[in-house]
Amino acid sequence: FSLENRRVPPAEMRGQIERLMREVRLDLPLHKPISELSG
């Protein structure tokens, strides 16, 4: 949703999402429900 606000092409999103998750040490499945995450 944040990437869409910057008009990032859909084909580039997966790579950027994985890079951002590595940057903040978020080792989770991409389809993990947010409601199941800890604080």
PDB file of all heavy atoms in Angstrom:
ATOM      1  N   PHE A   1       0.832  -1.204   0.000  1.00  0.00           N
ATOM      2  CA  PHE A   1       0.000   0.000   0.000  1.00  0.00           C
ATOM      3  C   PHE A   1       0.869   1.258   0.000  1.00  0.00           C
ATOM      4  O   PHE A   1       0.588   2.232  -0.707  1.00  0.00           O
ATOM      5  CB  PHE A   1      -0.919  -0.009   1.217  1.00  0.00           C
ATOM      6  CG  PHE A   1      -1.845   1.172   1.294  1.00  0.00           C
ATOM      7  CD1 PHE A   1      -2.955   1.252   0.486  1.00  0.00           C
ATOM      8  CD2 PHE A   1      -1.592   2.214   2.174  1.00  0.00           C
ATOM      9  CE1 PHE A   1      -3.812   2.348   0.547  1.00  0.00           C
ATOM     10  CE2 PHE A   1      -2.438   3.303   2.250  1.00  0.00           C
ATOM     11  CZ  PHE A   1      -3.551   3.382   1.437  1.00  0.00           C
ATOM     12  N   SER A   2       1.963   1.245   0.788  1.00  0.00           N
ATOM     13  CA  SER A   2       2.886   2.388   0.785  1.00  0.00           C
ATOM     14  C   SER A   2       3.559   2.542  -0.565  1.00  0.00           C
ATOM     15  O   SER A   2       3.729   3.661  -1.070  1.00  0.00           O
ATOM     16  CB  SER A   2       3.946   2.206   1.882  1.00  0.00           C
ATOM     17  OG  SER A   2       3.370   2.275   3.173  1.00  0.00           O
ATOM     18  N   LEU A   3       3.956   1.419  -1.174  1.00  0.00           N
ATOM     19  CA  LEU A   3       4.609   1.484  -2.480  1.00  0.00           C
ATOM     20  C   LEU A   3       3.653   2.004  -3.548  1.00  0.00           C
ATOM     21  O   LEU A   3       4.058   2.734  -4.466  1.00  0.00           O
ATOM     22  CB  LEU A   3       5.137   0.100  -2.858  1.00  0.00           C
ATOM     23  CG  LEU A   3       6.241  -0.468  -1.949  1.00  0.00           C
ATOM     24  CD1 LEU A   3       6.583  -1.895  -2.354  1.00  0.00           C
ATOM     25  CD2 LEU A   3       7.486   0.411  -1.980  1.00  0.00           C
ATOM     26  N   GLU A   4       2.385   1.630  -3.429  1.00  0.00           N
ATOM     27  CA  GLU A   4       1.393   2.129  -4.385  1.00  0.00           C
ATOM     28  C   GLU A   4       1.255   3.643  -4.302  1.00  0.00           C
ATOM     29  O   GLU A   4       1.016   4.312  -5.320  1.00  0.00           O
ATOM     30  CB  GLU A   4       0.037   1.463  -4.115  1.00  0.00           C
ATOM     31  CG  GLU A   4      -0.010   0.003  -4.534  1.00  0.00           C
ATOM     32  CD  GLU A   4      -1.275  -0.692  -4.063  1.00  0.00           C
ATOM     33  OE1 GLU A   4      -2.046  -0.053  -3.312  1.00  0.00           O
ATOM     34  OE2 GLU A   4      -1.487  -1.857  -4.427  1.00  0.00           O
ATOM     35  N   ASN A   5       1.413   4.181  -3.102  1.00  0.00           N
ATOM     36  CA  ASN A   5       1.344   5.628  -2.945  1.00  0.00           C
ATOM     37  C   ASN A   5       2.488   6.331  -3.663  1.00  0.00           C
ATOM     38  O   ASN A   5       2.381   7.516  -3.992  1.00  0.00           O
ATOM     39  CB  ASN A   5       1.359   5.999  -1.459  1.00  0.00           C
ATOM     40  CG  ASN A   5      -0.009   5.893  -0.821  1.00  0.00           C
ATOM     41  OD1 ASN A   5      -0.818   6.804  -0.887  1.00  0.00           O
ATOM     42  ND2 ASN A   5      -0.277   4.740  -0.217  1.00  0.00           N
ATOM     43  N   ARG A   6       3.595   5.598  -3.892  1.00  0.00           N
ATOM     44  CA  ARG A   6       4.718   6.146  -4.662  1.00  0.00           C
ATOM     45  C   ARG A   6       4.643   5.740  -6.139  1.00  0.00           C
ATOM     46  O   ARG A   6       5.575   6.018  -6.897  1.00  0.00           O
ATOM     47  CB  ARG A   6       6.043   5.669  -4.062  1.00  0.00           C
ATOM     48  CG  ARG A   6       6.421   6.361  -2.768  1.00  0.00           C
ATOM     49  CD  ARG A   6       7.778   5.861  -2.262  1.00  0.00           C
ATOM     50  NE  ARG A   6       8.703   5.609  -3.334  1.00  0.00           N
ATOM     51  CZ  ARG A   6       9.410   4.463  -3.479  1.00  0.00           C
ATOM     52  NH1 ARG A   6       9.268   3.478  -2.621  1.00  0.00           N
ATOM     53  NH2 ARG A   6      10.239   4.327  -4.480  1.00  0.00           N
ATOM     54  N   ARG A   7       3.579   5.041  -6.505  1.00  0.00           N
ATOM     55  CA  ARG A   7       3.381   4.589  -7.887  1.00  0.00           C
ATOM     56  C   ARG A   7       4.489   3.655  -8.353  1.00  0.00           C
ATOM     57  O   ARG A   7       4.943   3.703  -9.519  1.00  0.00           O
ATOM     58  CB  ARG A   7       3.272   5.790  -8.833  1.00  0.00           C
ATOM     59  CG  ARG A   7       2.092   6.706  -8.503  1.00  0.00           C
ATOM     60  CD  ARG A   7       1.990   7.856  -9.478  1.00  0.00           C
ATOM     61  NE  ARG A   7       0.862   8.732  -9.137  1.00  0.00           N
ATOM     62  CZ  ARG A   7       0.535   9.823  -9.803  1.00  0.00           C
ATOM     63  NH1 ARG A   7       1.251  10.177 -10.886  1.00  0.00           N
ATOM     64  NH2 ARG A   7      -0.492  10.559  -9.444  1.00  0.00           N
ATOM     65  N   VAL A   8       4.935   2.793  -7.460  1.00  0.00           N
ATOM     66  CA  VAL A   8       5.924   1.780  -7.836  1.00  0.00           C
ATOM     67  C   VAL A   8       5.225   0.736  -8.710  1.00  0.00           C
ATOM     68  O   VAL A   8       4.152   0.233  -8.352  1.00  0.00           O
ATOM     69  CB  VAL A   8       6.520   1.114  -6.584  1.00  0.00           C
ATOM     70  CG1 VAL A   8       7.416  -0.061  -6.969  1.00  0.00           C
ATOM     71  CG2 VAL A   8       7.298   2.135  -5.768  1.00  0.00           C
ATOM     72  N   PRO A   9       5.782   0.373  -9.862  1.00  0.00           N
ATOM     73  CA  PRO A   9       5.165  -0.626 -10.735  1.00  0.00           C
ATOM     74  C   PRO A   9       4.987  -1.965 -10.009  1.00  0.00           C
ATOM     75  O   PRO A   9       5.871  -2.383  -9.245  1.00  0.00           O
ATOM     76  CB  PRO A   9       6.163  -0.762 -11.895  1.00  0.00           C
ATOM     77  CG  PRO A   9       6.906   0.539 -11.889  1.00  0.00           C
ATOM     78  CD  PRO A   9       7.008   0.952 -10.453  1.00  0.00           C
ATOM     79  N   PRO A  10       3.871  -2.654 -10.220  1.00  0.00           N
ATOM     80  CA  PRO A  10       3.611  -3.933  -9.549  1.00  0.00           C
ATOM     81  C   PRO A  10       4.736  -4.945  -9.725  1.00  0.00           C
ATOM     82  O   PRO A  10       5.029  -5.713  -8.808  1.00  0.00           O
ATOM     83  CB  PRO A  10       2.309  -4.416 -10.202  1.00  0.00           C
ATOM     84  CG  PRO A  10       1.617  -3.148 -10.623  1.00  0.00           C
ATOM     85  CD  PRO A  10       2.718  -2.211 -11.040  1.00  0.00           C
ATOM     86  N   ALA A  11       5.376  -4.951 -10.880  1.00  0.00           N
ATOM     87  CA  ALA A  11       6.437  -5.925 -11.138  1.00  0.00           C
ATOM     88  C   ALA A  11       7.644  -5.718 -10.226  1.00  0.00           C
ATOM     89  O   ALA A  11       8.423  -6.648  -9.998  1.00  0.00           O
ATOM     90  CB  ALA A  11       6.871  -5.850 -12.602  1.00  0.00           C
ATOM     91  N   GLU A  12       7.817  -4.512  -9.701  1.00  0.00           N
ATOM     92  CA  GLU A  12       8.970  -4.215  -8.840  1.00  0.00           C
ATOM     93  C   GLU A  12       8.651  -4.345  -7.357  1.00  0.00           C
ATOM     94  O   GLU A  12       9.547  -4.273  -6.515  1.00  0.00           O
ATOM     95  CB  GLU A  12       9.457  -2.784  -9.117  1.00  0.00           C
ATOM     96  CG  GLU A  12       9.910  -2.544 -10.554  1.00  0.00           C
ATOM     97  CD  GLU A  12      10.317  -1.095 -10.785  1.00  0.00           C
ATOM     98  OE1 GLU A  12      10.519  -0.378  -9.776  1.00  0.00           O
ATOM     99  OE2 GLU A  12      10.431  -0.693 -11.962  1.00  0.00           O
ATOM    100  N   MET A  13       7.376  -4.548  -7.025  1.00  0.00           N
ATOM    101  CA  MET A  13       6.970  -4.498  -5.612  1.00  0.00           C
ATOM    102  C   MET A  13       7.539  -5.638  -4.784  1.00  0.00           C
ATOM    103  O   MET A  13       8.029  -5.432  -3.667  1.00  0.00           O
ATOM    104  CB  MET A  13       5.445  -4.476  -5.510  1.00  0.00           C
ATOM    105  CG  MET A  13       4.830  -3.125  -5.817  1.00  0.00           C
ATOM    106  SD  MET A  13       3.080  -3.089  -5.409  1.00  0.00           S
ATOM    107  CE  MET A  13       2.684  -1.404  -5.864  1.00  0.00           C
ATOM    108  N   ARG A  14       7.472  -6.857  -5.287  1.00  0.00           N
ATOM    109  CA  ARG A  14       7.902  -8.004  -4.490  1.00  0.00           C
ATOM    110  C   ARG A  14       9.348  -7.837  -4.022  1.00  0.00           C
ATOM    111  O   ARG A  14       9.660  -8.047  -2.848  1.00  0.00           O
ATOM    112  CB  ARG A  14       7.748  -9.303  -5.285  1.00  0.00           C
ATOM    113  CG  ARG A  14       8.272 -10.560  -4.577  1.00  0.00           C
ATOM    114  CD  ARG A  14       7.566 -10.818  -3.259  1.00  0.00           C
ATOM    115  NE  ARG A  14       6.183 -11.161  -3.435  1.00  0.00           N
ATOM    116  CZ  ARG A  14       5.740 -12.418  -3.642  1.00  0.00           C
ATOM    117  NH1 ARG A  14       6.592 -13.423  -3.674  1.00  0.00           N
ATOM    118  NH2 ARG A  14       4.456 -12.655  -3.779  1.00  0.00           N
ATOM    119  N   GLY A  15      10.227  -7.435  -4.915  1.00  0.00           N
ATOM    120  CA  GLY A  15      11.628  -7.248  -4.543  1.00  0.00           C
ATOM    121  C   GLY A  15      11.800  -6.161  -3.495  1.00  0.00           C
ATOM    122  O   GLY A  15      12.586  -6.306  -2.552  1.00  0.00           O
ATOM    123  N   GLN A  16      11.063  -5.057  -3.643  1.00  0.00           N
ATOM    124  CA  GLN A  16      11.181  -3.957  -2.675  1.00  0.00           C
ATOM    125  C   GLN A  16      10.602  -4.348  -1.320  1.00  0.00           C
ATOM    126  O   GLN A  16      11.135  -3.972  -0.276  1.00  0.00           O
ATOM    127  CB  GLN A  16      10.496  -2.708  -3.227  1.00  0.00           C
ATOM    128  CG  GLN A  16      11.184  -2.114  -4.440  1.00  0.00           C
ATOM    129  CD  GLN A  16      10.849  -0.640  -4.629  1.00  0.00           C
ATOM    130  OE1 GLN A  16      10.598   0.081  -3.666  1.00  0.00           O
ATOM    131  NE2 GLN A  16      10.860  -0.200  -5.887  1.00  0.00           N
ATOM    132  N   ILE A  17       9.502  -5.099  -1.331  1.00  0.00           N
ATOM    133  CA  ILE A  17       8.901  -5.551  -0.071  1.00  0.00           C
ATOM    134  C   ILE A  17       9.871  -6.441   0.687  1.00  0.00           C
ATOM    135  O   ILE A  17      10.085  -6.282   1.900  1.00  0.00           O
ATOM    136  CB  ILE A  17       7.569  -6.289  -0.339  1.00  0.00           C
ATOM    137  CG1 ILE A  17       6.511  -5.298  -0.813  1.00  0.00           C
ATOM    138  CG2 ILE A  17       7.094  -7.029   0.915  1.00  0.00           C
ATOM    139  CD1 ILE A  17       5.233  -5.956  -1.310  1.00  0.00           C
ATOM    140  N   GLU A  18      10.500  -7.385  -0.001  1.00  0.00           N
ATOM    141  CA  GLU A  18      11.451  -8.287   0.649  1.00  0.00           C
ATOM    142  C   GLU A  18      12.668  -7.524   1.172  1.00  0.00           C
ATOM    143  O   GLU A  18      13.178  -7.819   2.257  1.00  0.00           O
ATOM    144  CB  GLU A  18      11.865  -9.388  -0.324  1.00  0.00           C
ATOM    145  CG  GLU A  18      10.709 -10.345  -0.655  1.00  0.00           C
ATOM    146  CD  GLU A  18      11.073 -11.368  -1.713  1.00  0.00           C
ATOM    147  OE1 GLU A  18      12.133 -11.191  -2.368  1.00  0.00           O
ATOM    148  OE2 GLU A  18      10.305 -12.342  -1.888  1.00  0.00           O
ATOM    149  N   ARG A  19      13.125  -6.531   0.413  1.00  0.00           N
ATOM    150  CA  ARG A  19      14.268  -5.721   0.870  1.00  0.00           C
ATOM    151  C   ARG A  19      13.919  -4.937   2.126  1.00  0.00           C
ATOM    152  O   ARG A  19      14.702  -4.882   3.084  1.00  0.00           O
ATOM    153  CB  ARG A  19      14.693  -4.758  -0.239  1.00  0.00           C
ATOM    154  CG  ARG A  19      15.799  -3.775   0.191  1.00  0.00           C
ATOM    155  CD  ARG A  19      16.112  -2.785  -0.907  1.00  0.00           C
ATOM    156  NE  ARG A  19      14.947  -1.996  -1.300  1.00  0.00           N
ATOM    157  CZ  ARG A  19      14.499  -0.943  -0.607  1.00  0.00           C
ATOM    158  NH1 ARG A  19      15.097  -0.571   0.522  1.00  0.00           N
ATOM    159  NH2 ARG A  19      13.443  -0.270  -1.030  1.00  0.00           N
ATOM    160  N   LEU A  20      12.738  -4.328   2.154  1.00  0.00           N
ATOM    161  CA  LEU A  20      12.313  -3.545   3.321  1.00  0.00           C
ATOM    162  C   LEU A  20      12.145  -4.432   4.550  1.00  0.00           C
ATOM    163  O   LEU A  20      12.498  -4.037   5.666  1.00  0.00           O
ATOM    164  CB  LEU A  20      11.001  -2.826   3.001  1.00  0.00           C
ATOM    165  CG  LEU A  20      11.122  -1.650   2.029  1.00  0.00           C
ATOM    166  CD1 LEU A  20       9.758  -1.299   1.446  1.00  0.00           C
ATOM    167  CD2 LEU A  20      11.723  -0.441   2.734  1.00  0.00           C
ATOM    168  N   MET A  21      11.631  -5.643   4.348  1.00  0.00           N
ATOM    169  CA  MET A  21      11.467  -6.555   5.478  1.00  0.00           C
ATOM    170  C   MET A  21      12.814  -6.982   6.035  1.00  0.00           C
ATOM    171  O   MET A  21      12.990  -7.099   7.260  1.00  0.00           O
ATOM    172  CB  MET A  21      10.638  -7.759   5.053  1.00  0.00           C
ATOM    173  CG  MET A  21       9.172  -7.412   4.779  1.00  0.00           C
ATOM    174  SD  MET A  21       8.190  -8.814   4.203  1.00  0.00           S
ATOM    175  CE  MET A  21       8.178  -9.870   5.664  1.00  0.00           C
ATOM    176  N   ARG A  22      13.800  -7.193   5.174  1.00  0.00           N
ATOM    177  CA  ARG A  22      15.148  -7.517   5.658  1.00  0.00           C
ATOM    178  C   ARG A  22      15.743  -6.340   6.429  1.00  0.00           C
ATOM    179  O   ARG A  22      16.421  -6.526   7.454  1.00  0.00           O
ATOM    180  CB  ARG A  22      16.065  -7.890   4.489  1.00  0.00           C
ATOM    181  CG  ARG A  22      15.785  -9.252   3.876  1.00  0.00           C
ATOM    182  CD  ARG A  22      16.933  -9.689   2.975  1.00  0.00           C
ATOM    183  NE  ARG A  22      17.151  -8.738   1.880  1.00  0.00           N
ATOM    184  CZ  ARG A  22      16.552  -8.795   0.697  1.00  0.00           C
ATOM    185  NH1 ARG A  22      15.667  -9.755   0.454  1.00  0.00           N
ATOM    186  NH2 ARG A  22      16.819  -7.918  -0.245  1.00  0.00           N
ATOM    187  N   GLU A  23      15.476  -5.140   5.959  1.00  0.00           N
ATOM    188  CA  GLU A  23      16.045  -3.947   6.573  1.00  0.00           C
ATOM    189  C   GLU A  23      15.575  -3.765   8.013  1.00  0.00           C
ATOM    190  O   GLU A  23      16.324  -3.304   8.864  1.00  0.00           O
ATOM    191  CB  GLU A  23      15.678  -2.707   5.747  1.00  0.00           C
ATOM    192  CG  GLU A  23      16.435  -1.455   6.142  1.00  0.00           C
ATOM    193  CD  GLU A  23      16.220  -0.327   5.153  1.00  0.00           C
ATOM    194  OE1 GLU A  23      15.796  -0.602   4.010  1.00  0.00           O
ATOM    195  OE2 GLU A  23      16.476   0.829   5.514  1.00  0.00           O
ATOM    196  N   VAL A  24      14.335  -4.145   8.296  1.00  0.00           N
ATOM    197  CA  VAL A  24      13.801  -3.994   9.663  1.00  0.00           C
ATOM    198  C   VAL A  24      13.751  -5.339  10.390  1.00  0.00           C
ATOM    199  O   VAL A  24      13.105  -5.459  11.433  1.00  0.00           O
ATOM    200  CB  VAL A  24      12.403  -3.349   9.645  1.00  0.00           C
ATOM    201  CG1 VAL A  24      12.465  -1.963   9.038  1.00  0.00           C
ATOM    202  CG2 VAL A  24      11.391  -4.218   8.921  1.00  0.00           C
ATOM    203  N   ARG A  25      14.410  -6.355   9.835  1.00  0.00           N
ATOM    204  CA  ARG A  25      14.515  -7.676  10.470  1.00  0.00           C
ATOM    205  C   ARG A  25      13.134  -8.289  10.725  1.00  0.00           C
ATOM    206  O   ARG A  25      12.842  -8.769  11.818  1.00  0.00           O
ATOM    207  CB  ARG A  25      15.305  -7.587  11.776  1.00  0.00           C
ATOM    208  CG  ARG A  25      16.760  -7.177  11.582  1.00  0.00           C
ATOM    209  CD  ARG A  25      17.447  -6.932  12.896  1.00  0.00           C
ATOM    210  NE  ARG A  25      16.896  -5.768  13.568  1.00  0.00           N
ATOM    211  CZ  ARG A  25      17.215  -5.419  14.821  1.00  0.00           C
ATOM    212  NH1 ARG A  25      18.030  -6.171  15.514  1.00  0.00           N
ATOM    213  NH2 ARG A  25      16.699  -4.342  15.367  1.00  0.00           N
ATOM    214  N   LEU A  26      12.304  -8.238   9.708  1.00  0.00           N
ATOM    215  CA  LEU A  26      10.949  -8.779   9.794  1.00  0.00           C
ATOM    216  C   LEU A  26      10.914 -10.095   9.026  1.00  0.00           C
ATOM    217  O   LEU A  26      10.588 -10.152   7.842  1.00  0.00           O
ATOM    218  CB  LEU A  26       9.953  -7.775   9.206  1.00  0.00           C
ATOM    219  CG  LEU A  26       8.476  -7.922   9.601  1.00  0.00           C
ATOM    220  CD1 LEU A  26       8.309  -7.797  11.105  1.00  0.00           C
ATOM    221  CD2 LEU A  26       7.644  -6.860   8.896  1.00  0.00           C
ATOM    222  N   ASP A  27      11.276 -11.185   9.700  1.00  0.00           N
ATOM    223  CA  ASP A  27      11.379 -12.498   9.071  1.00  0.00           C
ATOM    224  C   ASP A  27      10.040 -13.219   9.209  1.00  0.00           C
ATOM    225  O   ASP A  27       9.823 -14.022  10.121  1.00  0.00           O
ATOM    226  CB  ASP A  27      12.492 -13.306   9.748  1.00  0.00           C
ATOM    227  CG  ASP A  27      12.745 -14.634   9.047  1.00  0.00           C
ATOM    228  OD1 ASP A  27      12.258 -14.802   7.907  1.00  0.00           O
ATOM    229  OD2 ASP A  27      13.393 -15.507   9.646  1.00  0.00           O
ATOM    230  N   LEU A  28       9.116 -12.899   8.292  1.00  0.00           N
ATOM    231  CA  LEU A  28       7.758 -13.429   8.354  1.00  0.00           C
ATOM    232  C   LEU A  28       7.287 -13.831   6.963  1.00  0.00           C
ATOM    233  O   LEU A  28       7.770 -13.296   5.963  1.00  0.00           O
ATOM    234  CB  LEU A  28       6.788 -12.358   8.890  1.00  0.00           C
ATOM    235  CG  LEU A  28       6.962 -11.864  10.323  1.00  0.00           C
ATOM    236  CD1 LEU A  28       6.063 -10.669  10.561  1.00  0.00           C
ATOM    237  CD2 LEU A  28       6.634 -12.984  11.297  1.00  0.00           C
ATOM    238  N   PRO A  29       6.325 -14.746   6.878  1.00  0.00           N
ATOM    239  CA  PRO A  29       5.695 -15.020   5.571  1.00  0.00           C
ATOM    240  C   PRO A  29       4.994 -13.755   5.076  1.00  0.00           C
ATOM    241  O   PRO A  29       4.386 -13.011   5.858  1.00  0.00           O
ATOM    242  CB  PRO A  29       4.686 -16.129   5.891  1.00  0.00           C
ATOM    243  CG  PRO A  29       5.155 -16.738   7.172  1.00  0.00           C
ATOM    244  CD  PRO A  29       5.807 -15.642   7.940  1.00  0.00           C
ATOM    245  N   LEU A  30       5.037 -13.526   3.777  1.00  0.00           N
ATOM    246  CA  LEU A  30       4.448 -12.315   3.213  1.00  0.00           C
ATOM    247  C   LEU A  30       2.949 -12.245   3.464  1.00  0.00           C
ATOM    248  O   LEU A  30       2.385 -11.155   3.630  1.00  0.00           O
ATOM    249  CB  LEU A  30       4.729 -12.249   1.712  1.00  0.00           C
ATOM    250  CG  LEU A  30       6.194 -12.029   1.309  1.00  0.00           C
ATOM    251  CD1 LEU A  30       6.328 -12.097  -0.208  1.00  0.00           C
ATOM    252  CD2 LEU A  30       6.694 -10.712   1.830  1.00  0.00           C
ATOM    253  N   HIS A  31       2.285 -13.383   3.505  1.00  0.00           N
ATOM    254  CA  HIS A  31       0.831 -13.391   3.672  1.00  0.00           C
ATOM    255  C   HIS A  31       0.418 -13.539   5.135  1.00  0.00           C
ATOM    256  O   HIS A  31      -0.749 -13.833   5.412  1.00  0.00           O
ATOM    257  CB  HIS A  31       0.211 -14.507   2.826  1.00  0.00           C
ATOM    258  CG  HIS A  31       0.397 -14.313   1.352  1.00  0.00           C
ATOM    259  ND1 HIS A  31      -0.249 -13.311   0.657  1.00  0.00           N
ATOM    260  CD2 HIS A  31       1.180 -14.956   0.454  1.00  0.00           C
ATOM    261  CE1 HIS A  31       0.111 -13.359  -0.621  1.00  0.00           C
ATOM    262  NE2 HIS A  31       0.977 -14.342  -0.774  1.00  0.00           N
ATOM    263  N   LYS A  32       1.331 -13.310   6.053  1.00  0.00           N
ATOM    264  CA  LYS A  32       1.017 -13.397   7.482  1.00  0.00           C
ATOM    265  C   LYS A  32      -0.020 -12.345   7.853  1.00  0.00           C
ATOM    266  O   LYS A  32       0.137 -11.151   7.555  1.00  0.00           O
ATOM    267  CB  LYS A  32       2.281 -13.151   8.295  1.00  0.00           C
ATOM    268  CG  LYS A  32       2.098 -13.241   9.805  1.00  0.00           C
ATOM    269  CD  LYS A  32       2.071 -14.683  10.263  1.00  0.00           C
ATOM    270  CE  LYS A  32       2.134 -14.773  11.771  1.00  0.00           C
ATOM    271  NZ  LYS A  32       2.081 -16.166  12.241  1.00  0.00           N
ATOM    272  N   PRO A  33      -1.143 -12.734   8.504  1.00  0.00           N
ATOM    273  CA  PRO A  33      -2.131 -11.731   8.933  1.00  0.00           C
ATOM    274  C   PRO A  33      -1.540 -10.778   9.972  1.00  0.00           C
ATOM    275  O   PRO A  33      -0.884 -11.217  10.922  1.00  0.00           O
ATOM    276  CB  PRO A  33      -3.253 -12.580   9.536  1.00  0.00           C
ATOM    277  CG  PRO A  33      -3.090 -13.934   8.935  1.00  0.00           C
ATOM    278  CD  PRO A  33      -1.613 -14.110   8.748  1.00  0.00           C
ATOM    279  N   ILE A  34      -1.758  -9.500   9.812  1.00  0.00           N
ATOM    280  CA  ILE A  34      -1.242  -8.505  10.746  1.00  0.00           C
ATOM    281  C   ILE A  34      -1.834  -8.718  12.136  1.00  0.00           C
ATOM    282  O   ILE A  34      -1.159  -8.498  13.154  1.00  0.00           O
ATOM    283  CB  ILE A  34      -1.558  -7.084  10.238  1.00  0.00           C
ATOM    284  CG1 ILE A  34      -0.804  -6.824   8.927  1.00  0.00           C
ATOM    285  CG2 ILE A  34      -1.184  -6.031  11.276  1.00  0.00           C
ATOM    286  CD1 ILE A  34      -1.154  -5.499   8.268  1.00  0.00           C
ATOM    287  N   SER A  35      -3.069  -9.187  12.199  1.00  0.00           N
ATOM    288  CA  SER A  35      -3.737  -9.386  13.485  1.00  0.00           C
ATOM    289  C   SER A  35      -3.041 -10.418  14.359  1.00  0.00           C
ATOM    290  O   SER A  35      -3.245 -10.449  15.576  1.00  0.00           O
ATOM    291  CB  SER A  35      -5.184  -9.807  13.264  1.00  0.00           C
ATOM    292  OG  SER A  35      -5.245 -11.040  12.543  1.00  0.00           O
ATOM    293  N   GLU A  36      -2.205 -11.272  13.768  1.00  0.00           N
ATOM    294  CA  GLU A  36      -1.519 -12.306  14.530  1.00  0.00           C
ATOM    295  C   GLU A  36      -0.116 -11.892  14.964  1.00  0.00           C
ATOM    296  O   GLU A  36       0.596 -12.680  15.590  1.00  0.00           O
ATOM    297  CB  GLU A  36      -1.443 -13.596  13.707  1.00  0.00           C
ATOM    298  CG  GLU A  36      -2.809 -14.217  13.431  1.00  0.00           C
ATOM    299  CD  GLU A  36      -2.714 -15.521  12.668  1.00  0.00           C
ATOM    300  OE1 GLU A  36      -1.577 -16.016  12.476  1.00  0.00           O
ATOM    301  OE2 GLU A  36      -3.758 -16.057  12.267  1.00  0.00           O
ATOM    302  N   LEU A  37       0.299 -10.674  14.646  1.00  0.00           N
ATOM    303  CA  LEU A  37       1.639 -10.222  15.004  1.00  0.00           C
ATOM    304  C   LEU A  37       1.672  -9.689  16.429  1.00  0.00           C
ATOM    305  O   LEU A  37       0.701  -9.113  16.922  1.00  0.00           O
ATOM    306  CB  LEU A  37       2.109  -9.126  14.046  1.00  0.00           C
ATOM    307  CG  LEU A  37       2.164  -9.457  12.561  1.00  0.00           C
ATOM    308  CD1 LEU A  37       2.777  -8.282  11.789  1.00  0.00           C
ATOM    309  CD2 LEU A  37       2.941 -10.729  12.305  1.00  0.00           C
ATOM    310  N   SER A  38       2.817  -9.837  17.095  1.00  0.00           N
ATOM    311  CA  SER A  38       3.024  -9.232  18.405  1.00  0.00           C
ATOM    312  C   SER A  38       3.215  -7.727  18.238  1.00  0.00           C
ATOM    313  O   SER A  38       3.404  -7.218  17.122  1.00  0.00           O
ATOM    314  CB  SER A  38       4.254  -9.834  19.086  1.00  0.00           C
ATOM    315  OG  SER A  38       5.439  -9.436  18.396  1.00  0.00           O
ATOM    316  N   GLY A  39       3.208  -7.008  19.357  1.00  0.00           N
ATOM    317  CA  GLY A  39       3.390  -5.559  19.299  1.00  0.00           C
ATOM    318  C   GLY A  39       4.717  -5.157  18.697  1.00  0.00           C
ATOM    319  O   GLY A  39       4.799  -4.195  17.926  1.00  0.00           O
TER     320      GLY A  39
END
